[in-house]
Amino acid sequence: MFLKDKERGTLIKVVDIEALINPLVPAVVGRSQAGEEEQDPEEFLKENLLFPSDEALPHCWRDADYQATLN
């Protein structure tokens, strides 16, 4: 799955989808798609990632206590 880094504007290929949807994990491992060669894996904080359409990640992927904030 590809996401976008808010700060750099580059696409990030997420390596571990399970970590992405787990609200207890604050960061995911991915590979930046900047340049012609795929970059080495690095950690990206979920709070700094967006969908390529600039839409935010679902709140339930980022906050384990998201249901408490709905009230």
Protein backbone atom coordinates (compact mmCIF):
# COMPACT_ATOMS: atom_id res chain seq x y z
CA MET A 1 0.00 0.00 0.00
CA PHE A 2 1.26 3.47 -0.84
CA LEU A 3 0.87 6.44 1.47
CA LYS A 4 2.18 9.99 1.27
CA ASP A 5 4.63 11.64 3.68
CA LYS A 6 3.12 14.99 4.79
CA GLU A 7 6.49 16.66 5.28
CA ARG A 8 8.30 15.56 2.13
CA GLY A 9 5.37 14.91 -0.18
CA THR A 10 6.92 11.64 -1.35
CA LEU A 11 5.14 8.32 -1.68
CA ILE A 12 5.91 5.66 0.91
CA LYS A 13 5.46 1.96 0.20
CA VAL A 14 4.26 0.48 3.51
CA VAL A 15 5.96 -2.84 4.20
CA ASP A 16 3.81 -4.04 7.14
CA ILE A 17 0.06 -3.49 6.63
CA GLU A 18 -0.75 -5.12 10.00
CA ALA A 19 1.25 -2.41 11.81
CA LEU A 20 -0.54 0.24 9.76
CA ILE A 21 -4.01 -0.76 10.92
CA ASN A 22 -2.95 -1.53 14.51
CA PRO A 23 -3.75 1.54 16.64
CA LEU A 24 -1.22 0.47 19.30
CA VAL A 25 1.68 0.88 16.87
CA PRO A 26 2.61 4.58 16.35
CA ALA A 27 4.90 4.04 13.35
CA VAL A 28 5.19 1.84 10.29
CA VAL A 29 8.12 0.56 8.28
CA GLY A 30 8.14 1.70 4.69
CA ARG A 31 10.31 2.51 1.71
CA SER A 32 10.41 6.00 0.27
CA GLN A 33 9.73 6.05 -3.46
CA ALA A 34 11.80 9.20 -4.08
CA GLY A 35 14.34 8.69 -6.84
CA GLU A 36 14.73 5.88 -9.32
CA GLU A 37 15.87 3.19 -6.87
CA GLU A 38 13.75 1.91 -4.01
CA GLN A 39 15.16 3.29 -0.77
CA ASP A 40 16.13 1.35 2.36
CA PRO A 41 13.32 0.66 4.84
CA GLU A 42 12.78 3.28 7.53
CA GLU A 43 10.18 4.08 10.19
CA PHE A 44 7.48 6.65 9.54
CA LEU A 45 5.14 7.99 12.21
CA LYS A 46 1.51 7.43 11.29
CA GLU A 47 0.69 11.02 12.25
CA ASN A 48 2.91 12.15 9.35
CA LEU A 49 1.23 9.96 6.73
CA LEU A 50 -1.73 10.57 4.42
CA PHE A 51 -3.40 8.69 1.62
CA PRO A 52 -2.08 9.82 -1.80
CA SER A 53 -5.34 11.81 -2.19
CA ASP A 54 -4.28 13.89 0.88
CA GLU A 55 -6.99 12.27 3.00
CA ALA A 56 -6.01 11.53 6.62
CA LEU A 57 -5.59 7.97 7.86
CA PRO A 58 -8.64 6.62 9.72
CA HIS A 59 -8.67 7.65 13.37
CA CYS A 60 -9.06 4.00 14.43
CA TRP A 61 -5.66 3.21 12.83
CA ARG A 62 -3.92 5.91 14.88
CA ASP A 63 -5.60 5.98 18.30
CA ALA A 64 -6.35 2.87 20.38
CA ASP A 65 -8.85 4.90 22.43
CA TYR A 66 -10.66 6.35 19.41
CA GLN A 67 -14.12 5.24 20.57
CA ALA A 68 -13.86 7.39 23.71
CA THR A 69 -13.31 10.48 21.55
CA LEU A 70 -16.50 9.82 19.57
CA ASN A 71 -18.74 10.79 22.51
